[in-house]
Structure formats: structure tokens, C-alpha cells
Amino acid sequence: VKVRHTAPREVVVEFRVRVREAITDLGKEPKQVRLTLRLAGVDEFRFQMRPAQPKAKITDARIGYHNGLFFVTFDSVGLEPGETAQVFDFRASEVYAAGRELWWEVTHGEPGA
């Protein structure tokens, strides 16, 4: 996670993660790609790390659009299948950000290259 203050009262939050592409062929493993999610015009964010918690793979990620803001979280928000995350679900997360603009970039290639 990168938090940049680009101007007074202007914040950009950037998440860089490695993800698997969508499955297009049942006989092949999906490729890993690097995904950058960039939120601009960030109004709120929280990144909380508990020292006793071990590092783990991200198992759940959510993106939502509420009240003119894109919300992004990489924290399990405990929703039932088919249930949509609401603003209070994102705000209860330990890792989330909300901004007016959301951009993404997919980089193909070997991880670490």
C-alpha cells in the first residue's frame, strides 16, 4: 500500500497485489498478473496492522460505489453469498480506502521481474 499526499488535502492510495487472471480454459492454470488499483481524491482510509496477527494471503476483496466514492477493501467483511457490501461494511474493515476516482493497471510477466 502506498499513500501519497499529492497536494494539500489531496491523497492518492495505491494498492499493488498479485492476482490470478480469470479462468478461460478449464485445462490450464490461470496466469498470475500484477494488479495496481489507484484511488484518487481519497476522502477516507484505514490501514490497521495488529502485531500479533500473522501475514496471510488475501482471500476476499470488495469494490463498491456509494455516495460518489469508490470503496476498496482487501478484508473479509463477512457477507453472505450474493449480499452486497454497504458503506458501514467497508468502514468496519481493517484495510480500506474510499476515493472519487478508481484506476487500475494489469501488468503481465513474471512476478518479481
N, C-alpha and C. Protein backbone atom coordinates (compact mmCIF):
# COMPACT_ATOMS: atom_id res chain seq x y z
N VAL A 1 0.86 -1.18 0.00
CA VAL A 1 0.00 0.00 0.00
C VAL A 1 0.90 1.23 0.00
N LYS A 2 0.55 2.17 -0.87
CA LYS A 2 1.25 3.45 -0.92
C LYS A 2 0.23 4.55 -0.69
N VAL A 3 0.53 5.46 0.22
CA VAL A 3 -0.32 6.62 0.45
C VAL A 3 0.51 7.84 0.07
N ARG A 4 0.01 8.62 -0.90
CA ARG A 4 0.74 9.81 -1.34
C ARG A 4 -0.13 11.04 -1.15
N HIS A 5 0.48 12.08 -0.61
CA HIS A 5 -0.20 13.37 -0.47
C HIS A 5 0.29 14.22 -1.64
N THR A 6 -0.53 14.32 -2.70
CA THR A 6 -0.12 14.97 -3.93
C THR A 6 -0.25 16.49 -3.88
N ALA A 7 -1.05 16.99 -2.99
CA ALA A 7 -1.26 18.43 -2.79
C ALA A 7 -1.92 18.58 -1.42
N PRO A 8 -1.99 19.80 -0.91
CA PRO A 8 -2.70 19.96 0.36
C PRO A 8 -4.13 19.41 0.25
N ARG A 9 -4.47 18.53 1.14
CA ARG A 9 -5.80 17.92 1.21
C ARG A 9 -6.11 17.00 0.03
N GLU A 10 -5.12 16.59 -0.74
CA GLU A 10 -5.30 15.63 -1.84
C GLU A 10 -4.47 14.38 -1.55
N VAL A 11 -5.15 13.24 -1.51
CA VAL A 11 -4.50 11.98 -1.19
C VAL A 11 -4.78 10.96 -2.29
N VAL A 12 -3.74 10.18 -2.64
CA VAL A 12 -3.87 9.06 -3.57
C VAL A 12 -3.42 7.82 -2.82
N VAL A 13 -4.22 6.75 -2.90
CA VAL A 13 -3.86 5.47 -2.28
C VAL A 13 -3.70 4.45 -3.40
N GLU A 14 -2.59 3.73 -3.34
CA GLU A 14 -2.28 2.74 -4.37
C GLU A 14 -2.09 1.38 -3.72
N PHE A 15 -2.83 0.39 -4.23
CA PHE A 15 -2.69 -1.00 -3.79
C PHE A 15 -1.99 -1.76 -4.91
N ARG A 16 -0.96 -2.51 -4.59
CA ARG A 16 -0.28 -3.37 -5.57
C ARG A 16 -0.38 -4.80 -5.08
N VAL A 17 -1.05 -5.63 -5.87
CA VAL A 17 -1.26 -7.03 -5.48
C VAL A 17 -0.99 -7.95 -6.67
N ARG A 18 -0.71 -9.20 -6.36
CA ARG A 18 -0.58 -10.24 -7.38
C ARG A 18 -1.85 -11.06 -7.35
N VAL A 19 -2.46 -11.22 -8.51
CA VAL A 19 -3.73 -11.94 -8.61
C VAL A 19 -3.66 -12.92 -9.78
N ARG A 20 -4.61 -13.84 -9.80
CA ARG A 20 -4.73 -14.76 -10.93
C ARG A 20 -5.74 -14.20 -11.93
N GLU A 21 -5.43 -14.34 -13.21
CA GLU A 21 -6.37 -13.94 -14.26
C GLU A 21 -7.61 -14.81 -14.18
N ALA A 22 -8.66 -14.37 -14.84
CA ALA A 22 -9.88 -15.17 -14.91
C ALA A 22 -9.59 -16.48 -15.65
N ILE A 23 -10.27 -17.54 -15.25
CA ILE A 23 -10.12 -18.83 -15.91
C ILE A 23 -10.79 -18.76 -17.28
N THR A 24 -10.02 -19.05 -18.33
CA THR A 24 -10.57 -19.05 -19.68
C THR A 24 -10.51 -20.44 -20.31
N ASP A 25 -9.69 -21.32 -19.72
CA ASP A 25 -9.55 -22.68 -20.23
C ASP A 25 -9.48 -23.60 -19.02
N LEU A 26 -10.45 -24.50 -18.91
CA LEU A 26 -10.51 -25.38 -17.74
C LEU A 26 -9.30 -26.30 -17.61
N GLY A 27 -8.56 -26.50 -18.67
CA GLY A 27 -7.41 -27.39 -18.62
C GLY A 27 -6.12 -26.69 -18.21
N LYS A 28 -6.15 -25.37 -18.05
CA LYS A 28 -4.92 -24.61 -17.74
C LYS A 28 -5.09 -23.82 -16.45
N GLU A 29 -3.97 -23.69 -15.75
CA GLU A 29 -3.94 -22.83 -14.57
C GLU A 29 -3.95 -21.37 -15.04
N PRO A 30 -4.71 -20.52 -14.38
CA PRO A 30 -4.69 -19.10 -14.78
C PRO A 30 -3.33 -18.47 -14.44
N LYS A 31 -2.89 -17.53 -15.27
CA LYS A 31 -1.62 -16.84 -15.06
C LYS A 31 -1.74 -15.86 -13.90
N GLN A 32 -0.61 -15.65 -13.22
CA GLN A 32 -0.56 -14.60 -12.21
C GLN A 32 -0.17 -13.29 -12.89
N VAL A 33 -0.82 -12.22 -12.50
CA VAL A 33 -0.52 -10.89 -13.01
C VAL A 33 -0.40 -9.93 -11.83
N ARG A 34 0.24 -8.82 -12.08
CA ARG A 34 0.31 -7.77 -11.06
C ARG A 34 -0.80 -6.76 -11.34
N LEU A 35 -1.55 -6.45 -10.33
CA LEU A 35 -2.67 -5.51 -10.44
C LEU A 35 -2.41 -4.32 -9.54
N THR A 36 -2.50 -3.14 -10.12
CA THR A 36 -2.38 -1.91 -9.35
C THR A 36 -3.73 -1.23 -9.35
N LEU A 37 -4.28 -1.00 -8.17
CA LEU A 37 -5.52 -0.23 -8.01
C LEU A 37 -5.13 1.12 -7.43
N ARG A 38 -5.54 2.21 -8.09
CA ARG A 38 -5.17 3.54 -7.63
C ARG A 38 -6.44 4.34 -7.38
N LEU A 39 -6.61 4.77 -6.15
CA LEU A 39 -7.73 5.63 -5.76
C LEU A 39 -7.23 7.06 -5.65
N ALA A 40 -7.86 7.97 -6.37
CA ALA A 40 -7.50 9.38 -6.30
C ALA A 40 -8.65 10.14 -5.64
N GLY A 41 -8.34 11.30 -5.08
CA GLY A 41 -9.37 12.06 -4.39
C GLY A 41 -9.88 11.32 -3.17
N VAL A 42 -8.95 10.70 -2.43
CA VAL A 42 -9.33 9.87 -1.29
C VAL A 42 -9.87 10.73 -0.16
N ASP A 43 -11.06 10.36 0.31
CA ASP A 43 -11.70 11.06 1.42
C ASP A 43 -11.47 10.36 2.74
N GLU A 44 -11.30 9.04 2.70
CA GLU A 44 -11.12 8.29 3.95
C GLU A 44 -10.36 7.00 3.68
N PHE A 45 -9.58 6.59 4.67
CA PHE A 45 -8.88 5.31 4.57
C PHE A 45 -8.48 4.85 5.97
N ARG A 46 -8.23 3.55 6.07
CA ARG A 46 -7.71 2.97 7.31
C ARG A 46 -6.85 1.77 6.94
N PHE A 47 -5.65 1.73 7.50
CA PHE A 47 -4.76 0.59 7.36
C PHE A 47 -4.28 0.25 8.76
N GLN A 48 -4.85 -0.79 9.29
CA GLN A 48 -4.57 -1.17 10.67
C GLN A 48 -3.86 -2.52 10.68
N MET A 49 -2.72 -2.59 11.34
CA MET A 49 -1.96 -3.84 11.43
C MET A 49 -1.88 -4.23 12.90
N ARG A 50 -2.36 -5.40 13.20
CA ARG A 50 -2.26 -5.91 14.57
C ARG A 50 -0.97 -6.72 14.67
N PRO A 51 -0.08 -6.37 15.59
CA PRO A 51 1.23 -7.01 15.66
C PRO A 51 1.17 -8.53 15.86
N ALA A 52 0.16 -9.03 16.52
CA ALA A 52 0.09 -10.46 16.80
C ALA A 52 -0.51 -11.25 15.64
N GLN A 53 -1.06 -10.57 14.65
CA GLN A 53 -1.68 -11.27 13.52
C GLN A 53 -0.63 -11.68 12.51
N PRO A 54 -0.65 -12.95 12.10
CA PRO A 54 0.31 -13.37 11.08
C PRO A 54 -0.09 -12.83 9.70
N LYS A 55 0.91 -12.66 8.83
CA LYS A 55 0.62 -12.26 7.46
C LYS A 55 -0.08 -13.42 6.77
N ALA A 56 -1.01 -13.10 5.90
CA ALA A 56 -1.77 -14.15 5.21
C ALA A 56 -2.13 -13.68 3.81
N LYS A 57 -2.48 -14.63 2.97
CA LYS A 57 -2.95 -14.28 1.62
C LYS A 57 -4.30 -13.61 1.72
N ILE A 58 -4.56 -12.73 0.79
CA ILE A 58 -5.85 -12.05 0.72
C ILE A 58 -6.86 -13.06 0.18
N THR A 59 -7.92 -13.28 0.92
CA THR A 59 -8.93 -14.24 0.48
C THR A 59 -10.21 -13.57 -0.01
N ASP A 60 -10.37 -12.30 0.29
CA ASP A 60 -11.59 -11.61 -0.09
C ASP A 60 -11.27 -10.16 -0.39
N ALA A 61 -11.74 -9.67 -1.51
CA ALA A 61 -11.58 -8.27 -1.87
C ALA A 61 -12.92 -7.76 -2.37
N ARG A 62 -13.23 -6.54 -2.05
CA ARG A 62 -14.51 -5.96 -2.47
C ARG A 62 -14.28 -4.55 -3.00
N ILE A 63 -15.05 -4.21 -4.02
CA ILE A 63 -15.08 -2.85 -4.55
C ILE A 63 -16.54 -2.44 -4.61
N GLY A 64 -16.83 -1.27 -4.11
CA GLY A 64 -18.20 -0.77 -4.15
C GLY A 64 -18.22 0.70 -4.50
N TYR A 65 -19.36 1.18 -4.94
CA TYR A 65 -19.54 2.59 -5.26
C TYR A 65 -20.74 3.10 -4.48
N HIS A 66 -20.47 3.98 -3.52
CA HIS A 66 -21.52 4.51 -2.65
C HIS A 66 -21.32 6.01 -2.45
N ASN A 67 -22.37 6.77 -2.59
CA ASN A 67 -22.36 8.20 -2.31
C ASN A 67 -21.24 8.94 -3.04
N GLY A 68 -20.98 8.57 -4.29
CA GLY A 68 -19.97 9.26 -5.08
C GLY A 68 -18.54 8.84 -4.82
N LEU A 69 -18.34 7.78 -4.02
CA LEU A 69 -16.98 7.30 -3.71
C LEU A 69 -16.84 5.83 -4.07
N PHE A 70 -15.66 5.47 -4.60
CA PHE A 70 -15.31 4.07 -4.79
C PHE A 70 -14.67 3.58 -3.51
N PHE A 71 -15.18 2.49 -2.97
CA PHE A 71 -14.63 1.88 -1.77
C PHE A 71 -13.90 0.60 -2.17
N VAL A 72 -12.70 0.39 -1.62
CA VAL A 72 -11.91 -0.82 -1.88
C VAL A 72 -11.48 -1.40 -0.55
N THR A 73 -11.67 -2.70 -0.37
CA THR A 73 -11.19 -3.38 0.82
C THR A 73 -10.61 -4.74 0.44
N PHE A 74 -9.60 -5.16 1.18
CA PHE A 74 -8.99 -6.48 0.99
C PHE A 74 -9.18 -7.30 2.24
N ASP A 75 -10.21 -7.02 2.95
CA ASP A 75 -10.50 -7.61 4.24
C ASP A 75 -11.84 -8.35 4.10
N SER A 76 -11.94 -9.50 4.68
CA SER A 76 -13.21 -10.21 4.64
C SER A 76 -14.23 -9.42 5.44
N VAL A 77 -15.34 -9.08 4.82
CA VAL A 77 -16.35 -8.29 5.52
C VAL A 77 -17.52 -9.15 6.00
N GLY A 78 -17.38 -10.47 5.89
CA GLY A 78 -18.37 -11.39 6.46
C GLY A 78 -19.74 -11.32 5.83
N LEU A 79 -19.82 -11.23 4.53
CA LEU A 79 -21.11 -11.17 3.86
C LEU A 79 -21.54 -12.56 3.40
N GLU A 80 -22.82 -12.73 3.29
CA GLU A 80 -23.37 -13.98 2.76
C GLU A 80 -23.24 -13.96 1.24
N PRO A 81 -23.22 -15.13 0.59
CA PRO A 81 -23.15 -15.16 -0.88
C PRO A 81 -24.28 -14.33 -1.49
N GLY A 82 -23.91 -13.48 -2.45
CA GLY A 82 -24.89 -12.63 -3.12
C GLY A 82 -25.20 -11.33 -2.41
N GLU A 83 -24.76 -11.19 -1.17
CA GLU A 83 -25.00 -9.96 -0.41
C GLU A 83 -24.02 -8.88 -0.86
N THR A 84 -24.48 -7.64 -0.93
CA THR A 84 -23.67 -6.51 -1.38
C THR A 84 -23.13 -5.74 -0.19
N ALA A 85 -21.83 -5.43 -0.23
CA ALA A 85 -21.21 -4.65 0.85
C ALA A 85 -21.75 -3.22 0.85
N GLN A 86 -22.05 -2.72 2.04
CA GLN A 86 -22.52 -1.35 2.21
C GLN A 86 -21.40 -0.50 2.81
N VAL A 87 -21.60 0.80 2.89
CA VAL A 87 -20.57 1.70 3.40
C VAL A 87 -20.08 1.26 4.77
N PHE A 88 -20.99 0.90 5.67
CA PHE A 88 -20.58 0.51 7.02
C PHE A 88 -19.75 -0.77 7.03
N ASP A 89 -19.94 -1.65 6.02
CA ASP A 89 -19.10 -2.86 5.91
C ASP A 89 -17.66 -2.47 5.58
N PHE A 90 -17.49 -1.55 4.64
CA PHE A 90 -16.14 -1.10 4.28
C PHE A 90 -15.48 -0.41 5.47
N ARG A 91 -16.22 0.45 6.15
CA ARG A 91 -15.64 1.20 7.27
C ARG A 91 -15.29 0.31 8.46
N ALA A 92 -15.90 -0.86 8.55
CA ALA A 92 -15.58 -1.80 9.63
C ALA A 92 -14.32 -2.60 9.31
N SER A 93 -13.83 -2.49 8.09
CA SER A 93 -12.65 -3.23 7.65
C SER A 93 -11.38 -2.66 8.25
N GLU A 94 -10.36 -3.49 8.37
CA GLU A 94 -9.06 -3.02 8.85
C GLU A 94 -8.21 -2.47 7.72
N VAL A 95 -8.57 -2.76 6.47
CA VAL A 95 -7.83 -2.29 5.30
C VAL A 95 -8.83 -1.81 4.26
N TYR A 96 -9.01 -0.49 4.19
CA TYR A 96 -9.93 0.03 3.17
C TYR A 96 -9.55 1.47 2.82
N ALA A 97 -10.00 1.90 1.65
CA ALA A 97 -9.86 3.29 1.24
C ALA A 97 -11.06 3.64 0.38
N ALA A 98 -11.40 4.92 0.36
CA ALA A 98 -12.53 5.40 -0.44
C ALA A 98 -12.13 6.70 -1.13
N GLY A 99 -12.31 6.74 -2.46
CA GLY A 99 -11.93 7.92 -3.22
C GLY A 99 -12.88 8.18 -4.37
N ARG A 100 -12.74 9.37 -4.94
CA ARG A 100 -13.63 9.79 -6.03
C ARG A 100 -13.31 9.14 -7.37
N GLU A 101 -12.06 8.74 -7.59
CA GLU A 101 -11.67 8.11 -8.85
C GLU A 101 -10.96 6.79 -8.58
N LEU A 102 -11.24 5.79 -9.42
CA LEU A 102 -10.58 4.48 -9.31
C LEU A 102 -9.98 4.12 -10.66
N TRP A 103 -8.69 3.85 -10.65
CA TRP A 103 -7.95 3.45 -11.85
C TRP A 103 -7.30 2.11 -11.56
N TRP A 104 -7.10 1.30 -12.61
CA TRP A 104 -6.37 0.05 -12.41
C TRP A 104 -5.47 -0.21 -13.60
N GLU A 105 -4.43 -0.99 -13.32
CA GLU A 105 -3.46 -1.36 -14.35
C GLU A 105 -3.06 -2.80 -14.11
N VAL A 106 -3.09 -3.60 -15.16
CA VAL A 106 -2.68 -5.00 -15.10
C VAL A 106 -1.34 -5.11 -15.82
N THR A 107 -0.36 -5.71 -15.13
CA THR A 107 0.96 -5.91 -15.70
C THR A 107 1.20 -7.38 -15.84
N HIS A 108 1.42 -7.85 -17.06
CA HIS A 108 1.71 -9.26 -17.30
C HIS A 108 3.21 -9.47 -17.17
N GLY A 109 3.59 -10.68 -16.92
CA GLY A 109 5.01 -11.01 -16.80
C GLY A 109 5.27 -11.78 -15.54
N GLU A 110 6.48 -12.19 -15.38
CA GLU A 110 6.86 -12.98 -14.22
C GLU A 110 6.85 -12.10 -12.97
N PRO A 111 6.25 -12.61 -11.87
CA PRO A 111 6.30 -11.85 -10.62
C PRO A 111 7.75 -11.61 -10.23
N GLY A 112 8.01 -10.39 -9.79
CA GLY A 112 9.35 -10.05 -9.36
C GLY A 112 10.23 -9.55 -10.51
N ALA A 113 9.71 -9.62 -11.75
CA ALA A 113 10.51 -9.19 -12.91
C ALA A 113 10.41 -7.69 -13.08
